[in-house]
Amino acid sequence: MGETPIAEGLFEVVDGAPRLIGGRRKRDGITVFPMPAGPEGRLYDPVRLSAEGTLWSFTVQRFRPKSPPYAGADDEASFRPFAIGYVELPGEVIVESRLEVDDFAALRVGLPMRLALAPFALAGGETVTSYVFRPAA
């Protein structure tokens, strides 16, 4: 796995386990993800989000998207389908994420999910570390 995170401040590893970093708005306690940056960030306190949640919604991308914005495999033959979903972290926020699963048929709304880190290949060939959710076994 690449040592470089896909974005600074998106997640951290605490006691060997990944945690996403959200922001809790100071005026009303509403939690967002990711933690806002720049001047808006002053209005939020960073908060470690739960590493477990439930699958709220999902889809499977079974054909190569148009480029841009897609920056993956250049031809249909080398494209690999992938799942994207929203994972509800109870009492916190709903997070959009890539989903890692051996069998797309195993995905269902309400499925318990757990945060993990995984390599992610950028268009230029560099591999970075990103977050994903996997079924909690």
N, C-alpha and C. Protein backbone atom coordinates (compact mmCIF):
# COMPACT_ATOMS: atom_id res chain seq x y z
N MET A 1 0.85 -1.17 0.00
CA MET A 1 0.00 0.00 0.00
C MET A 1 0.89 1.22 0.00
N GLY A 2 0.49 2.27 -0.73
CA GLY A 2 1.26 3.51 -0.74
C GLY A 2 1.31 4.13 0.63
N GLU A 3 2.39 4.80 0.91
CA GLU A 3 2.55 5.47 2.21
C GLU A 3 1.85 6.82 2.23
N THR A 4 1.58 7.36 1.06
CA THR A 4 0.98 8.69 0.95
C THR A 4 -0.54 8.60 0.99
N PRO A 5 -1.17 9.34 1.91
CA PRO A 5 -2.64 9.33 1.92
C PRO A 5 -3.19 10.07 0.70
N ILE A 6 -4.36 9.69 0.25
CA ILE A 6 -4.97 10.33 -0.92
C ILE A 6 -5.23 11.81 -0.66
N ALA A 7 -5.46 12.18 0.60
CA ALA A 7 -5.63 13.58 1.00
C ALA A 7 -5.25 13.71 2.47
N GLU A 8 -4.55 14.78 2.78
CA GLU A 8 -4.15 15.02 4.17
C GLU A 8 -5.39 15.33 5.01
N GLY A 9 -5.38 14.83 6.25
CA GLY A 9 -6.45 15.14 7.19
C GLY A 9 -7.74 14.38 6.98
N LEU A 10 -7.76 13.42 6.06
CA LEU A 10 -8.97 12.66 5.75
C LEU A 10 -9.17 11.52 6.75
N PHE A 11 -8.08 10.88 7.14
CA PHE A 11 -8.14 9.77 8.09
C PHE A 11 -6.84 9.73 8.87
N GLU A 12 -6.86 8.95 9.94
CA GLU A 12 -5.66 8.69 10.72
C GLU A 12 -5.73 7.26 11.23
N VAL A 13 -4.59 6.75 11.68
CA VAL A 13 -4.54 5.41 12.25
C VAL A 13 -4.34 5.56 13.75
N VAL A 14 -5.27 5.00 14.52
CA VAL A 14 -5.24 5.10 15.97
C VAL A 14 -5.17 3.68 16.52
N ASP A 15 -4.11 3.38 17.27
CA ASP A 15 -3.91 2.04 17.83
C ASP A 15 -4.05 0.95 16.75
N GLY A 16 -3.49 1.23 15.58
CA GLY A 16 -3.49 0.26 14.49
C GLY A 16 -4.76 0.19 13.66
N ALA A 17 -5.75 1.00 14.00
CA ALA A 17 -7.03 0.97 13.27
C ALA A 17 -7.31 2.32 12.62
N PRO A 18 -7.80 2.33 11.37
CA PRO A 18 -8.08 3.61 10.71
C PRO A 18 -9.34 4.27 11.27
N ARG A 19 -9.32 5.59 11.28
CA ARG A 19 -10.50 6.38 11.67
C ARG A 19 -10.60 7.57 10.73
N LEU A 20 -11.78 7.82 10.20
CA LEU A 20 -12.01 9.01 9.40
C LEU A 20 -12.06 10.21 10.33
N ILE A 21 -11.68 11.37 9.81
CA ILE A 21 -11.72 12.60 10.60
C ILE A 21 -12.81 13.50 10.03
N GLY A 22 -13.83 13.70 10.82
CA GLY A 22 -14.92 14.59 10.45
C GLY A 22 -14.78 15.90 11.19
N GLY A 23 -15.78 16.72 11.06
CA GLY A 23 -15.81 17.99 11.77
C GLY A 23 -17.16 18.17 12.44
N ARG A 24 -17.14 18.64 13.67
CA ARG A 24 -18.37 18.94 14.40
C ARG A 24 -18.49 20.46 14.47
N ARG A 25 -19.58 20.97 13.87
CA ARG A 25 -19.79 22.42 13.84
C ARG A 25 -20.00 22.95 15.25
N LYS A 26 -19.24 23.96 15.61
CA LYS A 26 -19.25 24.50 16.97
C LYS A 26 -20.61 25.07 17.38
N ARG A 27 -21.31 25.70 16.45
CA ARG A 27 -22.55 26.40 16.84
C ARG A 27 -23.72 25.47 17.10
N ASP A 28 -23.76 24.28 16.43
CA ASP A 28 -24.94 23.42 16.60
C ASP A 28 -24.62 21.93 16.72
N GLY A 29 -23.34 21.57 16.67
CA GLY A 29 -22.96 20.17 16.87
C GLY A 29 -23.18 19.25 15.68
N ILE A 30 -23.57 19.79 14.53
CA ILE A 30 -23.76 18.96 13.34
C ILE A 30 -22.41 18.44 12.87
N THR A 31 -22.35 17.14 12.54
CA THR A 31 -21.12 16.50 12.09
C THR A 31 -21.12 16.39 10.57
N VAL A 32 -19.95 16.68 9.98
CA VAL A 32 -19.77 16.58 8.54
C VAL A 32 -18.51 15.77 8.25
N PHE A 33 -18.42 15.27 7.03
CA PHE A 33 -17.21 14.61 6.57
C PHE A 33 -16.99 15.01 5.13
N PRO A 34 -15.76 15.38 4.80
CA PRO A 34 -14.57 15.47 5.64
C PRO A 34 -14.56 16.74 6.48
N MET A 35 -13.57 16.83 7.36
CA MET A 35 -13.37 18.02 8.17
C MET A 35 -13.11 19.18 7.23
N PRO A 36 -13.89 20.27 7.33
CA PRO A 36 -13.66 21.41 6.45
C PRO A 36 -12.26 22.00 6.63
N ALA A 37 -11.70 22.48 5.52
CA ALA A 37 -10.37 23.09 5.53
C ALA A 37 -10.52 24.60 5.32
N GLY A 38 -9.42 25.29 5.37
CA GLY A 38 -9.40 26.72 5.12
C GLY A 38 -10.14 27.49 6.19
N PRO A 39 -10.60 28.70 5.86
CA PRO A 39 -11.27 29.55 6.85
C PRO A 39 -12.50 28.89 7.48
N GLU A 40 -13.22 28.08 6.70
CA GLU A 40 -14.42 27.42 7.24
C GLU A 40 -14.07 26.44 8.36
N GLY A 41 -12.87 25.88 8.31
CA GLY A 41 -12.43 24.93 9.31
C GLY A 41 -12.44 25.48 10.72
N ARG A 42 -12.32 26.79 10.86
CA ARG A 42 -12.36 27.42 12.19
C ARG A 42 -13.70 27.24 12.87
N LEU A 43 -14.74 26.98 12.09
CA LEU A 43 -16.09 26.83 12.63
C LEU A 43 -16.37 25.41 13.13
N TYR A 44 -15.38 24.51 12.98
CA TYR A 44 -15.55 23.09 13.31
C TYR A 44 -14.45 22.61 14.24
N ASP A 45 -14.78 21.62 15.04
CA ASP A 45 -13.80 20.89 15.83
C ASP A 45 -13.59 19.54 15.16
N PRO A 46 -12.33 19.09 14.99
CA PRO A 46 -12.12 17.77 14.42
C PRO A 46 -12.65 16.69 15.34
N VAL A 47 -13.19 15.64 14.75
CA VAL A 47 -13.74 14.53 15.53
C VAL A 47 -13.44 13.22 14.79
N ARG A 48 -12.99 12.22 15.54
CA ARG A 48 -12.79 10.89 14.97
C ARG A 48 -14.16 10.24 14.81
N LEU A 49 -14.43 9.78 13.62
CA LEU A 49 -15.71 9.13 13.36
C LEU A 49 -15.63 7.64 13.66
N SER A 50 -16.77 7.05 13.86
CA SER A 50 -16.86 5.62 14.12
C SER A 50 -16.28 4.84 12.95
N ALA A 51 -15.64 3.72 13.23
CA ALA A 51 -15.07 2.88 12.18
C ALA A 51 -16.08 1.85 11.68
N GLU A 52 -17.27 1.82 12.27
CA GLU A 52 -18.28 0.84 11.85
C GLU A 52 -19.62 1.53 11.62
N GLY A 53 -20.34 1.01 10.65
CA GLY A 53 -21.65 1.56 10.33
C GLY A 53 -22.45 0.55 9.53
N THR A 54 -23.48 1.03 8.86
CA THR A 54 -24.32 0.16 8.04
C THR A 54 -24.43 0.73 6.63
N LEU A 55 -24.54 -0.17 5.68
CA LEU A 55 -24.66 0.25 4.29
C LEU A 55 -26.04 0.90 4.10
N TRP A 56 -26.04 2.15 3.69
CA TRP A 56 -27.26 2.94 3.56
C TRP A 56 -27.81 2.86 2.13
N SER A 57 -26.89 2.84 1.14
CA SER A 57 -27.25 2.74 -0.27
C SER A 57 -25.99 2.39 -1.05
N PHE A 58 -26.14 1.82 -2.25
CA PHE A 58 -24.96 1.47 -3.04
C PHE A 58 -25.32 1.29 -4.50
N THR A 59 -24.28 1.25 -5.32
CA THR A 59 -24.41 0.92 -6.73
C THR A 59 -23.13 0.23 -7.17
N VAL A 60 -23.22 -0.51 -8.26
CA VAL A 60 -22.04 -1.16 -8.84
C VAL A 60 -21.82 -0.56 -10.22
N GLN A 61 -20.62 -0.03 -10.45
CA GLN A 61 -20.24 0.52 -11.74
C GLN A 61 -19.70 -0.62 -12.58
N ARG A 62 -20.51 -1.08 -13.54
CA ARG A 62 -20.14 -2.28 -14.31
C ARG A 62 -19.56 -1.96 -15.70
N PHE A 63 -19.53 -0.71 -16.09
CA PHE A 63 -18.93 -0.35 -17.38
C PHE A 63 -18.01 0.85 -17.18
N ARG A 64 -17.05 1.01 -18.06
CA ARG A 64 -16.06 2.08 -17.96
C ARG A 64 -16.74 3.43 -18.15
N PRO A 65 -16.61 4.32 -17.15
CA PRO A 65 -17.17 5.66 -17.29
C PRO A 65 -16.42 6.47 -18.36
N LYS A 66 -17.00 7.57 -18.78
CA LYS A 66 -16.35 8.46 -19.74
C LYS A 66 -15.18 9.18 -19.09
N SER A 67 -14.17 9.50 -19.90
CA SER A 67 -13.02 10.29 -19.45
C SER A 67 -13.06 11.63 -20.15
N PRO A 68 -12.78 12.75 -19.47
CA PRO A 68 -12.83 12.83 -18.02
C PRO A 68 -14.27 12.75 -17.52
N PRO A 69 -14.52 12.54 -16.29
CA PRO A 69 -13.61 12.63 -15.15
C PRO A 69 -12.91 11.32 -14.83
N TYR A 70 -13.38 10.18 -15.37
CA TYR A 70 -12.76 8.89 -15.04
C TYR A 70 -11.33 8.88 -15.52
N ALA A 71 -10.43 8.42 -14.66
CA ALA A 71 -9.01 8.42 -15.00
C ALA A 71 -8.39 7.04 -14.79
N GLY A 72 -9.19 6.00 -14.94
CA GLY A 72 -8.68 4.64 -14.73
C GLY A 72 -8.24 4.00 -16.02
N ALA A 73 -8.43 2.70 -16.11
CA ALA A 73 -7.99 1.92 -17.27
C ALA A 73 -8.46 2.57 -18.57
N ASP A 74 -7.57 2.58 -19.57
CA ASP A 74 -7.85 3.26 -20.83
C ASP A 74 -8.79 2.51 -21.76
N ASP A 75 -8.99 1.23 -21.55
CA ASP A 75 -9.85 0.49 -22.45
C ASP A 75 -10.86 -0.35 -21.67
N GLU A 76 -11.95 -0.67 -22.32
CA GLU A 76 -13.04 -1.42 -21.70
C GLU A 76 -12.57 -2.79 -21.21
N ALA A 77 -11.64 -3.42 -21.93
CA ALA A 77 -11.19 -4.77 -21.58
C ALA A 77 -10.45 -4.81 -20.24
N SER A 78 -9.76 -3.74 -19.87
CA SER A 78 -9.00 -3.76 -18.61
C SER A 78 -9.77 -3.11 -17.45
N PHE A 79 -10.96 -2.61 -17.73
CA PHE A 79 -11.79 -2.02 -16.67
C PHE A 79 -12.31 -3.10 -15.73
N ARG A 80 -12.25 -2.85 -14.43
CA ARG A 80 -12.79 -3.78 -13.43
C ARG A 80 -13.97 -3.12 -12.73
N PRO A 81 -15.13 -3.75 -12.70
CA PRO A 81 -16.29 -3.17 -11.99
C PRO A 81 -15.95 -2.90 -10.53
N PHE A 82 -16.62 -1.90 -9.97
CA PHE A 82 -16.39 -1.54 -8.58
C PHE A 82 -17.70 -1.08 -7.96
N ALA A 83 -17.75 -1.15 -6.64
CA ALA A 83 -18.95 -0.72 -5.91
C ALA A 83 -18.66 0.57 -5.16
N ILE A 84 -19.65 1.43 -5.15
CA ILE A 84 -19.62 2.70 -4.41
C ILE A 84 -20.88 2.72 -3.57
N GLY A 85 -20.75 3.25 -2.36
CA GLY A 85 -21.94 3.30 -1.52
C GLY A 85 -21.87 4.40 -0.48
N TYR A 86 -22.93 4.49 0.26
CA TYR A 86 -23.03 5.39 1.40
C TYR A 86 -23.15 4.53 2.64
N VAL A 87 -22.28 4.80 3.61
CA VAL A 87 -22.27 4.07 4.87
C VAL A 87 -22.69 5.03 5.98
N GLU A 88 -23.74 4.63 6.69
CA GLU A 88 -24.24 5.45 7.79
C GLU A 88 -23.46 5.11 9.05
N LEU A 89 -22.79 6.12 9.61
CA LEU A 89 -22.10 5.97 10.88
C LEU A 89 -23.08 6.46 11.94
N PRO A 90 -23.61 5.58 12.77
CA PRO A 90 -24.73 5.89 13.66
C PRO A 90 -24.51 7.15 14.50
N GLY A 91 -25.49 8.04 14.42
CA GLY A 91 -25.46 9.27 15.19
C GLY A 91 -24.43 10.28 14.74
N GLU A 92 -23.75 10.01 13.61
CA GLU A 92 -22.71 10.92 13.16
C GLU A 92 -23.00 11.51 11.78
N VAL A 93 -22.81 10.70 10.74
CA VAL A 93 -22.91 11.21 9.38
C VAL A 93 -23.00 10.02 8.42
N ILE A 94 -23.41 10.26 7.19
CA ILE A 94 -23.39 9.25 6.14
C ILE A 94 -22.21 9.59 5.23
N VAL A 95 -21.34 8.60 5.01
CA VAL A 95 -20.10 8.78 4.27
C VAL A 95 -20.17 8.06 2.93
N GLU A 96 -19.77 8.75 1.86
CA GLU A 96 -19.64 8.10 0.56
C GLU A 96 -18.29 7.39 0.52
N SER A 97 -18.27 6.17 -0.02
CA SER A 97 -17.03 5.40 -0.01
C SER A 97 -17.01 4.35 -1.11
N ARG A 98 -15.83 3.99 -1.52
CA ARG A 98 -15.65 2.80 -2.33
C ARG A 98 -15.93 1.62 -1.41
N LEU A 99 -16.56 0.58 -1.93
CA LEU A 99 -16.88 -0.61 -1.14
C LEU A 99 -16.05 -1.77 -1.67
N GLU A 100 -15.38 -2.48 -0.78
CA GLU A 100 -14.61 -3.65 -1.18
C GLU A 100 -15.35 -4.89 -0.72
N VAL A 101 -15.69 -5.73 -1.70
CA VAL A 101 -16.43 -6.95 -1.42
C VAL A 101 -16.05 -7.98 -2.48
N ASP A 102 -15.97 -9.25 -2.08
CA ASP A 102 -15.61 -10.31 -3.03
C ASP A 102 -16.73 -10.58 -4.03
N ASP A 103 -17.98 -10.41 -3.59
CA ASP A 103 -19.13 -10.73 -4.42
C ASP A 103 -20.14 -9.59 -4.29
N PHE A 104 -20.39 -8.87 -5.37
CA PHE A 104 -21.33 -7.75 -5.32
C PHE A 104 -22.71 -8.19 -4.84
N ALA A 105 -23.07 -9.44 -5.08
CA ALA A 105 -24.38 -9.95 -4.66
C ALA A 105 -24.52 -9.96 -3.14
N ALA A 106 -23.41 -9.89 -2.43
CA ALA A 106 -23.46 -9.89 -0.96
C ALA A 106 -23.87 -8.52 -0.40
N LEU A 107 -23.81 -7.48 -1.22
CA LEU A 107 -24.17 -6.14 -0.75
C LEU A 107 -25.68 -6.03 -0.59
N ARG A 108 -26.11 -5.44 0.50
CA ARG A 108 -27.53 -5.17 0.73
C ARG A 108 -27.63 -4.00 1.71
N VAL A 109 -28.66 -3.21 1.56
CA VAL A 109 -28.90 -2.10 2.48
C VAL A 109 -29.02 -2.67 3.89
N GLY A 110 -28.36 -2.03 4.85
CA GLY A 110 -28.37 -2.47 6.23
C GLY A 110 -27.21 -3.38 6.60
N LEU A 111 -26.39 -3.77 5.62
CA LEU A 111 -25.24 -4.65 5.88
C LEU A 111 -24.25 -3.93 6.80
N PRO A 112 -23.81 -4.57 7.89
CA PRO A 112 -22.79 -3.96 8.75
C PRO A 112 -21.48 -3.81 7.98
N MET A 113 -20.87 -2.63 8.09
CA MET A 113 -19.65 -2.31 7.35
C MET A 113 -18.57 -1.83 8.32
N ARG A 114 -17.31 -2.03 7.92
CA ARG A 114 -16.17 -1.61 8.74
C ARG A 114 -15.18 -0.85 7.85
N LEU A 115 -14.63 0.21 8.38
CA LEU A 115 -13.63 1.03 7.69
C LEU A 115 -12.31 0.28 7.56
N ALA A 116 -11.64 0.45 6.42
CA ALA A 116 -10.31 -0.13 6.19
C ALA A 116 -9.54 0.84 5.30
N LEU A 117 -8.24 0.64 5.22
CA LEU A 117 -7.40 1.40 4.29
C LEU A 117 -7.00 0.46 3.16
N ALA A 118 -6.87 1.03 1.96
CA ALA A 118 -6.55 0.22 0.79
C ALA A 118 -5.76 1.06 -0.21
N PRO A 119 -4.94 0.42 -1.04
CA PRO A 119 -4.22 1.17 -2.07
C PRO A 119 -5.19 1.67 -3.14
N PHE A 120 -4.85 2.82 -3.70
CA PHE A 120 -5.65 3.42 -4.77
C PHE A 120 -4.69 3.96 -5.81
N ALA A 121 -4.81 3.48 -7.05
CA ALA A 121 -3.93 3.89 -8.14
C ALA A 121 -4.44 5.17 -8.79
N LEU A 122 -3.60 6.18 -8.81
CA LEU A 122 -3.95 7.44 -9.48
C LEU A 122 -3.67 7.30 -10.98
N ALA A 123 -4.21 8.21 -11.78
CA ALA A 123 -4.09 8.15 -13.23
C ALA A 123 -2.63 8.13 -13.68
N GLY A 124 -1.74 8.82 -12.98
CA GLY A 124 -0.34 8.89 -13.37
C GLY A 124 0.48 7.67 -12.98
N GLY A 125 -0.17 6.68 -12.35
CA GLY A 125 0.53 5.47 -11.97
C GLY A 125 0.94 5.42 -10.51
N GLU A 126 0.90 6.56 -9.82
CA GLU A 126 1.24 6.58 -8.40
C GLU A 126 0.15 5.87 -7.59
N THR A 127 0.57 5.15 -6.56
CA THR A 127 -0.38 4.49 -5.67
C THR A 127 -0.38 5.22 -4.33
N VAL A 128 -1.56 5.56 -3.87
CA VAL A 128 -1.73 6.24 -2.59
C VAL A 128 -2.63 5.38 -1.70
N THR A 129 -2.78 5.80 -0.47
CA THR A 129 -3.65 5.09 0.47
C THR A 129 -4.97 5.83 0.58
N SER A 130 -6.06 5.11 0.44
CA SER A 130 -7.40 5.69 0.58
C SER A 130 -8.19 4.86 1.59
N TYR A 131 -9.36 5.33 1.91
CA TYR A 131 -10.24 4.57 2.80
C TYR A 131 -11.29 3.84 1.98
N VAL A 132 -11.75 2.73 2.50
CA VAL A 132 -12.82 1.93 1.88
C VAL A 132 -13.64 1.38 3.04
N PHE A 133 -14.82 0.89 2.72
CA PHE A 133 -15.59 0.13 3.71
C PHE A 133 -15.75 -1.27 3.17
N ARG A 134 -15.64 -2.24 4.08
CA ARG A 134 -15.81 -3.65 3.77
C ARG A 134 -16.89 -4.22 4.67
N PRO A 135 -17.55 -5.28 4.23
CA PRO A 135 -18.51 -5.93 5.13
C PRO A 135 -17.82 -6.35 6.44
N ALA A 136 -18.46 -6.08 7.56
CA ALA A 136 -17.92 -6.47 8.86
C ALA A 136 -18.24 -7.94 9.04
N ALA A 137 -17.21 -8.76 9.14
CA ALA A 137 -17.44 -10.20 9.25
C ALA A 137 -17.36 -10.66 10.69
